[in-house]
Amino acid sequence: MIRIVALSLVALYAALLAAMRFHLCLNDFWAWSFLAGHSEISDAASLQNGFMPPAYVLYLKAIGSALGPAREISGAFALSLAAVFVTAVATAKLACAGVANGRHQTWVGVLTIVLLALWPPFLQSGMTAGPDIVVAALVAIAALLHWRDEQRIRQSILAGALLGLAILVRGHALFAAIGILIAPLVLQRRFDRPALAPVLGILVALLAQTWFNLAAGVPAWSTGQAFNVYKMMYGIDWFTPVRPESISVAQLILDDPGRFLYEWAGAFRRAGQWLLGPAIALFWAWRRQSAGLLRLSLLALIAGAVYTVPVSLGDSPRTAVVIGAMLVAPLALLIAELRATGPRLLPLLLALLIGFGFVQSLRQDRAFLEHNRAQARDFEAVENLLLASGASSAIAVFSDDFDLYFRELDGARPLTRGGWGVIGIDGWEDRFPQLPTDDVPGFLAACRAHDVRYLALTSSSARLGPGFAVLRDDPRAVGVLPLGVCGQFHVLELPAGP
């Protein structure tokens, strides 16, 4: 039954994606795709980017080599949907492990999948072509294997191998792995071989990443964490992002420790909000002496805290999904126990609190889906207008929108100013030249020099430099022709210059 419900969830997500023509809503994908297409497996330096381990890029490269580069997006979505299924089943089984009565396990499992499906970080990652949902699946299986009441050495070794693979997909999975390892040690105070077996897989992954960094010619423990800390403390203008090599974590903290602590506290509050579910479950389990729920919620809180404290430094809303299984499973088990309890004051109050969170989740889900649908419609309208105007290549288009991409125009991605690729990927600027935006006449001259004939500008273009608001809203004033308006985009054409 659990697998059938999980498959139904995958079918639902796939139907929603199909309705949006499998719209790519995460612009990071294009950086990973660029690495996959401009790297060689024998050349570690071509895969190294300082922000992300190589496993996901290698997957995209394998898809491109086997099926062609045009199939990379399809392969990425297929992997995401497969990870949705795996995460749903593993999370349901994790929740069911806390149910003493076998007759109620199916109900708890189905409830868990429903909650997981509607949880905003999971829905957003599950409908995105990216690695976060893949890591969530690996972490979910590892928690299920390693947190069993009776630990077995083989299962724990397998859990360690899965956690090691997760680390090679996303670096912050390391902290999820440490949390999964530490939680039962703290709770049971046992240090036997099954309890410590996952360390082997984690160490292998760390050694593999260290070897990869050294082979790429960078320091063994090189990461982009300094950039993330800077972003947390000061924010980033993505049109002119700071270079990671120009900053250090230690210097950032020493320069302004008060600001660091203040911003970190805020980031932890935002990331740690999802720990409220296991905390409520722990409170109820302690009051009712519910052994299964007490154990699961304690494990989830310990592992979740170990993960959230360091990961919140990156202040990314996508990191919560990595530990989604251990956040949702205790909440599902709690709801099942509240359902079996009579109409008393405390259960009613907890039910109201959970209901409020449920409504907020539905609102976030709806906003996400509506935004994606509108964005997909706008992108298609922009491309159709460009095709009708004679455009044949994406590189002949400049936009201030980092998400914009095309399905029919050769090259898919327009030129942009700044972005993640500029600071994280060697060779990015060779493919996407950085046009000067100090003033509009110089920008237009650079466009003509690089054969850029079309502009797709949003209201954000005003931040590019002086005069860009006029260029967007009154293009004829600077000698540019308006082609039309597509949603938030003003599409313009540059007449041939002298």
Protein backbone atom coordinates (compact mmCIF):
# COMPACT_ATOMS: atom_id res chain seq x y z
CA MET A 1 0.00 0.00 0.00
CA ILE A 2 2.78 2.43 0.90
CA ARG A 3 4.49 1.90 -2.45
CA ILE A 4 1.22 2.42 -4.32
CA VAL A 5 0.63 5.74 -2.54
CA ALA A 6 4.25 6.76 -3.22
CA LEU A 7 3.81 5.94 -6.92
CA SER A 8 0.61 8.00 -6.91
CA LEU A 9 2.60 10.91 -5.49
CA VAL A 10 5.16 10.58 -8.29
CA ALA A 11 2.33 10.50 -10.84
CA LEU A 12 0.84 13.66 -9.31
CA TYR A 13 4.15 15.51 -9.40
CA ALA A 14 4.78 14.34 -12.97
CA ALA A 15 1.32 15.53 -14.04
CA LEU A 16 1.93 18.96 -12.49
CA LEU A 17 5.29 19.16 -14.22
CA ALA A 18 3.78 18.07 -17.53
CA ALA A 19 1.17 20.82 -17.22
CA MET A 20 4.08 23.28 -17.03
CA ARG A 21 6.00 21.48 -19.82
CA PHE A 22 8.58 20.36 -17.25
CA HIS A 23 9.60 23.92 -16.56
CA LEU A 24 13.07 24.43 -15.06
CA CYS A 25 12.61 26.67 -12.03
CA LEU A 26 16.17 26.47 -10.66
CA ASN A 27 18.77 28.38 -12.65
CA ASP A 28 21.59 26.50 -10.87
CA PHE A 29 20.88 23.64 -13.28
CA TRP A 30 22.51 25.53 -16.14
CA ALA A 31 25.77 25.80 -14.23
CA TRP A 32 25.78 22.05 -13.60
CA SER A 33 24.88 21.42 -17.24
CA PHE A 34 27.71 23.71 -18.35
CA LEU A 35 30.17 21.76 -16.21
CA ALA A 36 28.87 18.48 -17.63
CA GLY A 37 29.31 19.69 -21.19
CA HIS A 38 32.67 21.43 -20.75
CA SER A 39 34.54 18.94 -18.59
CA GLU A 40 36.49 15.74 -18.99
CA ILE A 41 36.38 12.90 -16.49
CA SER A 42 40.15 12.55 -16.82
CA ASP A 43 40.61 16.24 -15.92
CA ALA A 44 39.52 16.87 -12.33
CA ALA A 45 40.19 20.59 -12.66
CA SER A 46 37.48 20.88 -15.32
CA LEU A 47 34.92 19.45 -12.87
CA GLN A 48 36.02 21.44 -9.83
CA ASN A 49 33.89 24.48 -8.95
CA GLY A 50 34.40 25.07 -5.22
CA PHE A 51 30.70 24.91 -4.36
CA MET A 52 29.53 21.40 -5.20
CA PRO A 53 31.04 17.90 -5.29
CA PRO A 54 31.24 16.23 -8.70
CA ALA A 55 28.70 13.38 -8.46
CA TYR A 56 25.63 15.18 -9.84
CA VAL A 57 27.61 16.77 -12.66
CA LEU A 58 28.98 13.33 -13.56
CA TYR A 59 25.40 12.00 -13.68
CA LEU A 60 24.40 14.74 -16.11
CA LYS A 61 27.54 14.07 -18.15
CA ALA A 62 26.65 10.36 -18.34
CA ILE A 63 23.12 11.22 -19.52
CA GLY A 64 24.50 13.62 -22.12
CA SER A 65 27.04 11.09 -23.37
CA ALA A 66 24.52 8.25 -23.58
CA LEU A 67 21.43 10.07 -24.85
CA GLY A 68 22.70 13.44 -26.05
CA PRO A 69 22.96 16.82 -24.30
CA ALA A 70 19.32 17.59 -25.12
CA ARG A 71 18.29 14.76 -22.78
CA GLU A 72 20.07 16.15 -19.72
CA ILE A 73 16.95 17.95 -18.53
CA SER A 74 14.83 14.81 -18.98
CA GLY A 75 17.41 12.76 -17.09
CA ALA A 76 17.50 15.32 -14.28
CA PHE A 77 13.71 15.30 -13.87
CA ALA A 78 13.61 11.49 -14.03
CA LEU A 79 16.17 11.29 -11.22
CA SER A 80 14.23 13.82 -9.14
CA LEU A 81 10.96 11.89 -9.50
CA ALA A 82 12.71 8.61 -8.66
CA ALA A 83 14.11 10.30 -5.54
CA VAL A 84 10.60 11.47 -4.63
CA PHE A 85 9.42 7.85 -4.64
CA VAL A 86 12.38 6.59 -2.60
CA THR A 87 12.12 9.40 -0.04
CA ALA A 88 8.37 8.88 0.36
CA VAL A 89 8.70 5.13 0.97
CA ALA A 90 11.66 5.46 3.34
CA THR A 91 10.00 8.24 5.35
CA ALA A 92 6.78 6.25 5.64
CA LYS A 93 8.66 3.19 6.87
CA LEU A 94 10.60 5.34 9.33
CA ALA A 95 7.32 6.57 10.81
CA CYS A 96 5.79 3.08 10.80
CA ALA A 97 8.72 1.78 12.84
CA GLY A 98 7.37 3.76 15.79
CA VAL A 99 3.92 2.12 15.63
CA ALA A 100 3.48 -0.75 18.06
CA ASN A 101 0.16 -1.88 16.56
CA GLY A 102 0.78 -3.39 13.16
CA ARG A 103 -2.80 -2.69 12.03
CA HIS A 104 -2.18 1.05 12.20
CA GLN A 105 1.05 1.02 10.21
CA THR A 106 -0.63 1.40 6.82
CA TRP A 107 -2.61 4.43 8.02
CA VAL A 108 0.53 6.02 9.46
CA GLY A 109 2.50 5.32 6.29
CA VAL A 110 -0.14 6.89 4.03
CA LEU A 111 -0.44 9.91 6.33
CA THR A 112 3.34 10.35 6.27
CA ILE A 113 3.45 10.42 2.47
CA VAL A 114 0.59 12.93 2.31
CA LEU A 115 2.36 15.25 4.78
CA LEU A 116 5.64 14.87 2.91
CA ALA A 117 3.98 15.58 -0.44
CA LEU A 118 2.50 18.84 0.85
CA TRP A 119 5.58 20.00 2.78
CA PRO A 120 6.86 23.01 0.77
CA PRO A 121 10.61 22.16 0.74
CA PHE A 122 9.82 18.64 -0.49
CA LEU A 123 7.33 19.69 -3.15
CA GLN A 124 9.66 22.40 -4.43
CA SER A 125 12.71 20.12 -4.55
CA GLY A 126 10.73 17.18 -5.94
CA MET A 127 9.54 19.28 -8.86
CA THR A 128 12.98 20.72 -9.52
CA ALA A 129 15.77 19.32 -11.67
CA GLY A 130 18.47 19.39 -9.02
CA PRO A 131 20.46 17.30 -6.54
CA ASP A 132 18.77 18.25 -3.24
CA ILE A 133 15.92 15.75 -3.51
CA VAL A 134 18.46 13.06 -4.44
CA VAL A 135 20.38 13.73 -1.22
CA ALA A 136 17.09 13.67 0.71
CA ALA A 137 16.40 10.16 -0.64
CA LEU A 138 19.85 8.86 0.31
CA VAL A 139 19.63 10.39 3.79
CA ALA A 140 16.13 8.99 4.32
CA ILE A 141 17.21 5.42 3.52
CA ALA A 142 20.32 5.80 5.69
CA ALA A 143 18.25 7.02 8.67
CA LEU A 144 15.81 4.15 8.19
CA LEU A 145 18.62 1.57 8.15
CA HIS A 146 20.73 3.00 10.95
CA TRP A 147 17.94 3.96 13.36
CA ARG A 148 16.39 0.53 13.61
CA ASP A 149 15.77 -0.73 17.15
CA GLU A 150 18.14 -3.61 16.51
CA GLN A 151 21.14 -2.30 14.64
CA ARG A 152 22.89 -4.75 12.34
CA ILE A 153 26.38 -4.31 11.05
CA ARG A 154 25.50 -4.84 7.37
CA GLN A 155 22.63 -2.38 7.44
CA SER A 156 24.79 0.22 9.17
CA ILE A 157 27.59 -0.25 6.64
CA LEU A 158 25.05 0.24 3.83
CA ALA A 159 23.75 3.34 5.62
CA GLY A 160 27.30 4.69 5.71
CA ALA A 161 27.78 3.99 1.99
CA LEU A 162 24.57 5.88 1.17
CA LEU A 163 25.61 8.81 3.35
CA GLY A 164 29.01 8.83 1.65
CA LEU A 165 27.32 9.01 -1.75
CA ALA A 166 25.09 11.82 -0.48
CA ILE A 167 28.19 13.78 0.56
CA LEU A 168 29.60 13.42 -2.95
CA VAL A 169 26.34 14.84 -4.34
CA ARG A 170 25.97 17.76 -1.92
CA GLY A 171 28.64 18.78 0.57
CA HIS A 172 26.26 19.77 3.36
CA ALA A 173 25.05 16.15 3.48
CA LEU A 174 28.14 15.65 5.66
CA PHE A 175 26.34 17.31 8.56
CA ALA A 176 23.24 15.18 7.99
CA ALA A 177 25.50 12.11 8.10
CA ILE A 178 27.09 13.27 11.36
CA GLY A 179 23.64 13.89 12.82
CA ILE A 180 22.37 10.43 11.85
CA LEU A 181 25.51 8.89 13.36
CA ILE A 182 25.51 10.91 16.58
CA ALA A 183 21.78 10.75 17.41
CA PRO A 184 21.63 7.04 18.42
CA LEU A 185 25.00 7.31 20.18
CA VAL A 186 23.64 10.11 22.37
CA LEU A 187 20.31 8.39 22.91
CA GLN A 188 21.50 4.84 23.54
CA ARG A 189 25.08 5.54 24.70
CA ARG A 190 26.31 2.50 22.82
CA PHE A 191 29.58 2.48 20.92
CA ASP A 192 29.54 -1.01 19.41
CA ARG A 193 30.36 -1.89 15.81
CA PRO A 194 26.86 -1.37 14.32
CA ALA A 195 26.64 2.06 15.94
CA LEU A 196 29.97 3.17 14.46
CA ALA A 197 29.84 1.30 11.13
CA PRO A 198 28.59 4.30 9.04
CA VAL A 199 31.85 6.11 9.81
CA LEU A 200 33.54 3.96 7.15
CA GLY A 201 31.34 5.21 4.32
CA ILE A 202 31.62 8.81 5.48
CA LEU A 203 35.42 8.61 5.62
CA VAL A 204 35.61 7.05 2.15
CA ALA A 205 33.55 9.92 0.75
CA LEU A 206 35.71 12.53 2.47
CA LEU A 207 38.87 10.87 1.17
CA ALA A 208 37.41 10.74 -2.35
CA GLN A 209 36.52 14.45 -2.23
CA THR A 210 39.97 15.27 -0.82
CA TRP A 211 41.65 13.35 -3.63
CA PHE A 212 39.42 15.10 -6.16
CA ASN A 213 40.35 18.55 -4.81
CA LEU A 214 44.06 17.78 -4.83
CA ALA A 215 43.84 16.36 -8.35
CA ALA A 216 42.06 19.55 -9.41
CA GLY A 217 44.92 21.64 -8.04
CA VAL A 218 43.06 23.27 -5.14
CA PRO A 219 43.55 22.85 -1.36
CA ALA A 220 42.38 19.54 0.06
CA TRP A 221 39.52 21.09 2.04
CA SER A 222 38.62 23.82 -0.42
CA THR A 223 34.95 24.87 -0.30
CA GLY A 224 32.84 27.87 -1.16
CA GLN A 225 31.69 28.32 2.43
CA ALA A 226 33.37 31.74 2.76
CA PHE A 227 31.12 33.03 -0.01
CA ASN A 228 28.04 31.62 1.77
CA VAL A 229 29.02 33.29 5.05
CA TYR A 230 29.58 36.59 3.23
CA LYS A 231 26.17 36.24 1.56
CA MET A 232 24.53 35.56 4.93
CA MET A 233 26.14 38.59 6.55
CA TYR A 234 25.98 41.20 3.80
CA GLY A 235 23.80 39.87 1.01
CA ILE A 236 24.85 39.61 -2.63
CA ASP A 237 24.27 41.73 -5.68
CA TRP A 238 24.21 38.93 -8.23
CA PHE A 239 24.94 41.37 -11.05
CA THR A 240 28.35 42.05 -9.46
CA PRO A 241 28.98 39.16 -7.02
CA VAL A 242 32.03 39.09 -4.77
CA ARG A 243 34.68 36.52 -5.70
CA PRO A 244 35.01 33.63 -3.21
CA GLU A 245 38.81 33.62 -3.36
CA SER A 246 38.88 37.20 -2.09
CA ILE A 247 37.32 36.41 1.31
CA SER A 248 37.85 34.04 4.25
CA VAL A 249 35.48 32.83 6.94
CA ALA A 250 37.87 33.74 9.77
CA GLN A 251 38.37 37.27 8.50
CA LEU A 252 34.64 37.81 8.06
CA ILE A 253 33.97 36.77 11.65
CA LEU A 254 36.87 38.76 13.12
CA ASP A 255 35.93 41.91 11.20
CA ASP A 256 32.43 42.04 12.68
CA PRO A 257 31.67 39.24 15.19
CA GLY A 258 28.48 40.95 16.38
CA ARG A 259 27.00 41.06 12.91
CA PHE A 260 28.07 37.48 12.25
CA LEU A 261 26.28 36.21 15.37
CA TYR A 262 23.19 38.31 14.68
CA GLU A 263 22.86 37.15 11.07
CA TRP A 264 23.64 33.55 11.99
CA ALA A 265 20.94 33.60 14.66
CA GLY A 266 18.45 34.85 12.09
CA ALA A 267 19.53 32.23 9.57
CA PHE A 268 19.27 29.49 12.20
CA ARG A 269 15.79 30.68 13.16
CA ARG A 270 14.68 30.43 9.54
CA ALA A 271 16.31 27.03 8.98
CA GLY A 272 15.36 25.71 12.41
CA GLN A 273 11.64 26.45 12.08
CA TRP A 274 11.18 22.96 10.64
CA LEU A 275 12.46 21.45 13.90
CA LEU A 276 9.23 22.62 15.54
CA GLY A 277 7.38 19.50 14.33
CA PRO A 278 9.69 16.97 16.03
CA ALA A 279 9.79 19.25 19.10
CA ILE A 280 5.99 19.18 19.43
CA ALA A 281 6.06 15.43 18.89
CA LEU A 282 8.69 15.07 21.63
CA PHE A 283 6.57 17.11 24.05
CA TRP A 284 3.53 14.92 23.42
CA ALA A 285 5.51 11.68 23.61
CA TRP A 286 7.06 12.74 26.93
CA ARG A 287 3.62 13.58 28.36
CA ARG A 288 2.03 10.34 27.13
CA GLN A 289 5.07 8.11 27.60
CA SER A 290 4.77 6.95 24.00
CA ALA A 291 7.97 4.95 23.55
CA GLY A 292 8.03 4.75 19.74
CA LEU A 293 7.27 8.43 19.19
CA LEU A 294 9.62 9.48 22.00
CA ARG A 295 12.55 7.64 20.44
CA LEU A 296 11.87 8.83 16.89
CA SER A 297 11.36 12.48 17.84
CA LEU A 298 14.52 12.49 19.99
CA LEU A 299 16.56 11.01 17.17
CA ALA A 300 15.10 13.54 14.72
CA LEU A 301 15.71 16.53 16.99
CA ILE A 302 19.31 15.58 17.78
CA ALA A 303 20.19 14.85 14.15
CA GLY A 304 18.25 17.89 12.93
CA ALA A 305 20.04 20.24 15.33
CA VAL A 306 23.47 18.82 14.43
CA TYR A 307 22.65 19.43 10.77
CA THR A 308 20.96 22.83 11.07
CA VAL A 309 23.56 24.65 13.20
CA PRO A 310 26.36 24.59 10.58
CA VAL A 311 24.18 24.46 7.46
CA SER A 312 22.29 27.61 8.42
CA LEU A 313 25.53 29.50 7.67
CA GLY A 314 24.62 29.15 4.00
CA ASP A 315 21.13 30.58 4.65
CA SER A 316 19.62 28.52 1.82
CA PRO A 317 15.90 27.64 1.87
CA ARG A 318 16.63 24.38 0.02
CA THR A 319 18.71 22.75 2.75
CA ALA A 320 15.74 21.65 4.90
CA VAL A 321 14.66 18.99 2.40
CA VAL A 322 17.86 16.99 3.02
CA ILE A 323 16.59 15.97 6.48
CA GLY A 324 12.94 15.90 5.43
CA ALA A 325 12.41 12.27 6.45
CA MET A 326 13.43 12.84 10.05
CA LEU A 327 11.34 16.02 10.25
CA VAL A 328 8.08 14.67 8.79
CA ALA A 329 8.03 11.14 10.23
CA PRO A 330 7.61 12.18 13.91
CA LEU A 331 4.88 14.66 12.96
CA ALA A 332 2.92 11.98 11.10
CA LEU A 333 3.21 9.64 14.06
CA LEU A 334 2.05 12.43 16.38
CA ILE A 335 -1.05 13.13 14.27
CA ALA A 336 -1.90 9.43 14.32
CA GLU A 337 -1.70 9.40 18.13
CA LEU A 338 -3.75 12.59 18.45
CA ARG A 339 -6.44 11.01 16.28
CA ALA A 340 -6.70 8.11 18.70
CA THR A 341 -7.01 10.44 21.72
CA GLY A 342 -10.29 11.75 23.08
CA PRO A 343 -11.36 15.41 22.76
CA ARG A 344 -9.16 16.87 25.47
CA LEU A 345 -7.69 20.35 25.67
CA LEU A 346 -4.01 19.55 24.97
CA PRO A 347 -4.66 17.35 21.92
CA LEU A 348 -7.02 20.00 20.52
CA LEU A 349 -4.43 22.75 20.99
CA LEU A 350 -1.74 20.65 19.30
CA ALA A 351 -4.16 19.80 16.48
CA LEU A 352 -4.88 23.50 15.94
CA LEU A 353 -1.15 24.28 15.84
CA ILE A 354 -0.53 21.51 13.32
CA GLY A 355 -3.55 22.63 11.30
CA PHE A 356 -2.19 26.17 11.14
CA GLY A 357 1.12 24.86 9.81
CA PHE A 358 -0.78 22.71 7.30
CA VAL A 359 -2.67 25.73 5.94
CA GLN A 360 0.55 27.74 5.66
CA SER A 361 2.16 24.88 3.75
CA LEU A 362 -0.74 24.76 1.31
CA ARG A 363 -0.40 28.51 0.71
CA GLN A 364 3.32 28.16 -0.01
CA ASP A 365 2.69 25.21 -2.33
CA ARG A 366 0.05 27.15 -4.25
CA ALA A 367 2.31 30.21 -4.55
CA PHE A 368 5.17 28.03 -5.85
CA LEU A 369 3.02 26.32 -8.46
CA GLU A 370 1.41 29.56 -9.61
CA HIS A 371 4.80 31.26 -9.89
CA ASN A 372 6.21 28.39 -11.94
CA ARG A 373 3.20 28.31 -14.23
CA ALA A 374 3.35 32.07 -14.82
CA GLN A 375 7.10 31.97 -15.35
CA ALA A 376 6.83 29.12 -17.85
CA ARG A 377 4.15 31.06 -19.74
CA ASP A 378 6.26 34.22 -19.81
CA PHE A 379 9.36 32.37 -21.01
CA GLU A 380 7.42 30.71 -23.81
CA ALA A 381 5.92 34.06 -24.88
CA VAL A 382 9.35 35.72 -24.94
CA GLU A 383 10.78 32.91 -27.05
CA ASN A 384 7.88 32.95 -29.50
CA LEU A 385 8.28 36.70 -29.94
CA LEU A 386 12.02 36.34 -30.52
CA LEU A 387 11.50 33.53 -33.05
CA ALA A 388 8.92 35.62 -34.90
CA SER A 389 11.44 38.48 -34.99
CA GLY A 390 14.11 36.34 -36.62
CA ALA A 391 16.20 35.21 -33.63
CA SER A 392 17.91 31.84 -34.02
CA SER A 393 20.43 31.75 -31.16
CA ALA A 394 20.03 32.36 -27.44
CA ILE A 395 23.46 33.97 -27.33
CA ALA A 396 22.04 36.83 -29.45
CA VAL A 397 19.80 37.74 -26.48
CA PHE A 398 20.73 39.62 -23.30
CA SER A 399 18.56 39.50 -20.17
CA ASP A 400 18.83 40.61 -16.57
CA ASP A 401 16.78 37.57 -15.50
CA PHE A 402 18.95 34.63 -14.39
CA ASP A 403 16.08 32.14 -14.75
CA LEU A 404 15.22 32.85 -18.39
CA TYR A 405 15.94 30.04 -20.84
CA PHE A 406 14.68 28.91 -24.23
CA ARG A 407 13.57 25.57 -25.61
CA GLU A 408 13.91 26.21 -29.34
CA LEU A 409 16.66 28.82 -29.66
CA ASP A 410 20.10 27.30 -30.07
CA GLY A 411 22.11 27.44 -26.85
CA ALA A 412 19.10 27.75 -24.50
CA ARG A 413 20.61 30.46 -22.29
CA PRO A 414 20.81 34.20 -23.05
CA LEU A 415 23.71 36.37 -21.96
CA THR A 416 23.40 37.76 -18.45
CA ARG A 417 25.44 40.00 -16.22
CA GLY A 418 26.99 38.28 -13.18
CA GLY A 419 25.40 35.17 -11.70
CA TRP A 420 26.72 32.03 -10.04
CA GLY A 421 28.64 30.82 -13.08
CA VAL A 422 30.90 33.90 -13.06
CA ILE A 423 32.24 33.16 -9.58
CA GLY A 424 32.11 29.37 -9.58
CA ILE A 425 33.04 28.01 -12.99
CA ASP A 426 36.16 28.39 -15.09
CA GLY A 427 35.37 29.13 -18.72
CA TRP A 428 31.91 30.52 -18.02
CA GLU A 429 32.80 34.00 -19.25
CA ASP A 430 34.22 32.59 -22.48
CA ARG A 431 30.77 31.23 -23.30
CA PHE A 432 28.80 34.07 -21.70
CA PRO A 433 30.79 37.32 -22.10
CA GLN A 434 30.18 39.93 -19.40
CA LEU A 435 28.95 43.04 -21.15
CA PRO A 436 29.76 46.35 -19.44
CA THR A 437 26.77 48.11 -17.87
CA ASP A 438 28.40 51.33 -16.64
CA ASP A 439 26.26 53.30 -19.09
CA VAL A 440 23.68 52.48 -21.75
CA PRO A 441 25.63 53.71 -24.84
CA GLY A 442 28.65 51.58 -23.87
CA PHE A 443 26.39 48.61 -23.18
CA LEU A 444 24.66 48.89 -26.55
CA ALA A 445 28.02 49.17 -28.31
CA ALA A 446 29.20 46.02 -26.52
CA CYS A 447 25.98 44.25 -27.54
CA ARG A 448 26.64 45.01 -31.19
CA ALA A 449 30.26 43.93 -30.85
CA HIS A 450 29.11 40.54 -29.53
CA ASP A 451 26.26 40.18 -32.08
CA VAL A 452 23.58 40.64 -29.40
CA ARG A 453 20.47 41.88 -31.21
CA TYR A 454 17.74 41.37 -28.61
CA LEU A 455 17.13 42.39 -25.00
CA ALA A 456 14.64 40.83 -22.56
CA LEU A 457 14.56 43.18 -19.59
CA THR A 458 12.58 43.12 -16.33
CA SER A 459 12.21 45.76 -13.64
CA SER A 460 15.43 44.43 -12.10
CA SER A 461 17.36 45.85 -15.06
CA ALA A 462 17.32 49.24 -13.30
CA ARG A 463 19.98 47.82 -10.97
CA LEU A 464 22.34 47.11 -13.85
CA GLY A 465 23.42 50.72 -14.08
CA PRO A 466 22.29 54.28 -14.78
CA GLY A 467 19.90 54.66 -17.68
CA PHE A 468 18.70 51.04 -17.82
CA ALA A 469 15.27 51.93 -16.46
CA VAL A 470 14.87 54.30 -19.44
CA LEU A 471 16.16 51.62 -21.80
CA ARG A 472 13.44 49.25 -20.60
CA ASP A 473 10.50 51.66 -20.33
CA ASP A 474 11.28 54.08 -23.20
CA PRO A 475 13.67 52.26 -25.54
CA ARG A 476 13.07 54.59 -28.50
CA ALA A 477 14.65 57.38 -26.47
CA VAL A 478 18.01 55.57 -26.81
CA GLY A 479 17.50 54.27 -30.34
CA VAL A 480 16.24 50.77 -29.49
CA LEU A 481 13.07 49.23 -30.95
CA PRO A 482 10.36 47.74 -28.69
CA LEU A 483 9.07 44.37 -29.87
CA GLY A 484 6.50 43.70 -27.17
CA VAL A 485 5.79 42.96 -23.52
CA CYS A 486 5.57 39.36 -22.27
CA GLY A 487 4.57 39.28 -18.62
CA GLN A 488 7.39 40.95 -16.72
CA PHE A 489 9.67 41.09 -19.78
CA HIS A 490 10.07 44.03 -22.15
CA VAL A 491 11.51 42.54 -25.34
CA LEU A 492 13.60 44.96 -27.41
CA GLU A 493 15.59 44.84 -30.66
CA LEU A 494 18.79 46.72 -31.42
CA PRO A 495 18.81 48.23 -34.93
CA ALA A 496 21.96 47.63 -36.90
CA GLY A 497 24.69 50.02 -35.80
CA PRO A 498 27.29 51.83 -37.85
